[in-house]
Structure formats: structure tokens, C-alpha cells
Amino acid sequence: MVVSRVFFGFDIRTRGSGNMGSTNAFRVLGWKWGLIVQVVDVLKGLLAVTVVAHLMVGQALPFTNRTPFEDITVVRLIAGTSAVVGHIFSIFVGFRGGKGVNTAAGMLVGIAPVEIGIAFGVFLLAVVLSGYISLGSISAAIAFPGAMLVRHNVCGSEINGYHILIWFACIVSALIIYAHRTNIKRLLEGQENRFEKLWLVRLRCSLRRTQH
């Protein structure tokens, strides 16, 4: 929203899908400005779990830590979650912010890099197969706790504090899916905006049909 107002003179919530996130910025402002918005959103989450955590080094928590995590990890979880919630329910825009996907991704890179890598792969696959950014985001949100669940219980990977971290992952996933509730409605009704250029599988199939 800041980018559209400062550099273009309008509120991006009045254009495109009406959302202030990077997907609508790509659609309305072009890929360069959309990329800038995306990077800034990711940095919100990443800086929350790095800068805030750095400031808390050597400081005692204001409450008793009853988790299996170190104090610094607990601080990262709280700071990261606060960044995501603040992005989705921003007080600066009447508690109607973005979807929180990029901010959550930035936060999770510093907390669960393997799971976020898997979720990103699922996101790309869903977008390539459907052309819907929203479907990719929802799929990634589901894949994140799913990947953690499978790695720990099926593959036998040791994840420190798993029994708490899995609940944290589910909460973040639920927040992102809730933020996409209008997108889910449009997807079910067949009215969701599709990025045709990202619908690569369909484009390739179309090219093959025209060649024959």
C-alpha cells in the first residue's frame, strides 16, 4: 500500500483484487514493483526472528520457559508470529492487511528451513499446474506442517521440540488459510484471478496442440 501511494498516487486496495499483498502488486504495478513488495514482506518475518532475537541475547524472559526450546528460540517464535499476525491484521489499515504468506515464509526460513523449502516446492508446483498464486499459497500452508509431520513420524528425522513446533506450524498454517478465505470462495466459484503466464503446463500443452 505504501509503494502504490508514494510512487503511483493511489491505494492499491482500490485496484485488482483489492489486496495489499505482493500478488496484487505484481498484477497492478508490474513485476518489478511486485518483487519489491514481496521482498519487503519476506524481510518483515526474517528480521523479526533475527534482529529481535539478537536484541534479546543475554536478556531473561519475562515468563518461565516451560518448552524444550532455548529461550532465544522461544523469542523467535513469538516475534515471528507477531510479525505474521501484524501483517494480516494490520492496525494501520483497519485490521485488513495482506495474506501473510511472504512474512510467514521469512519467519520460517529462520526456524524450520527444511519444511519451508518443501512448502516452497509445493507452492511452485501448484502455481505451474494451475496458474493460481492463491492456490499455491494455500497448498504451501498445508504442506508446511504436513512436511514436519511426515519427516518426524514417517522418516524418523529428529526435530528439536517437535511436539510444540508442530502446533506452532499448524497455527501459522491456519492463519494463512483463514487470510485466504475469500480466495477459496472465488476458487470454488471459478472466479479467482489466474496468472496466465505462470500456468506453464497448460501453455506447453497448448503449444503442442497448435504444432500438431
Foldseek 3Di string as FASTA:
>chain_A
DVCCCPPPNDDLLVDDPSAPALVSCCVPVNDVVSVVRLVVLLVLLQCQLPVQLVVCVPPDDPDDDPALDDPSLVSLLVSNVVSQCCQCQPPVPNGHHHLSQSSNLSSVCVPPVVLSVVLVVQLLVVCQQFQANLVSSLSSLVSSLVVLCCCCPPVVDDDRRSVVVSVSSNVSSVSSVVSCVVVVVCVVVVNHDGRVVSNNVVVVVVVVVVVD
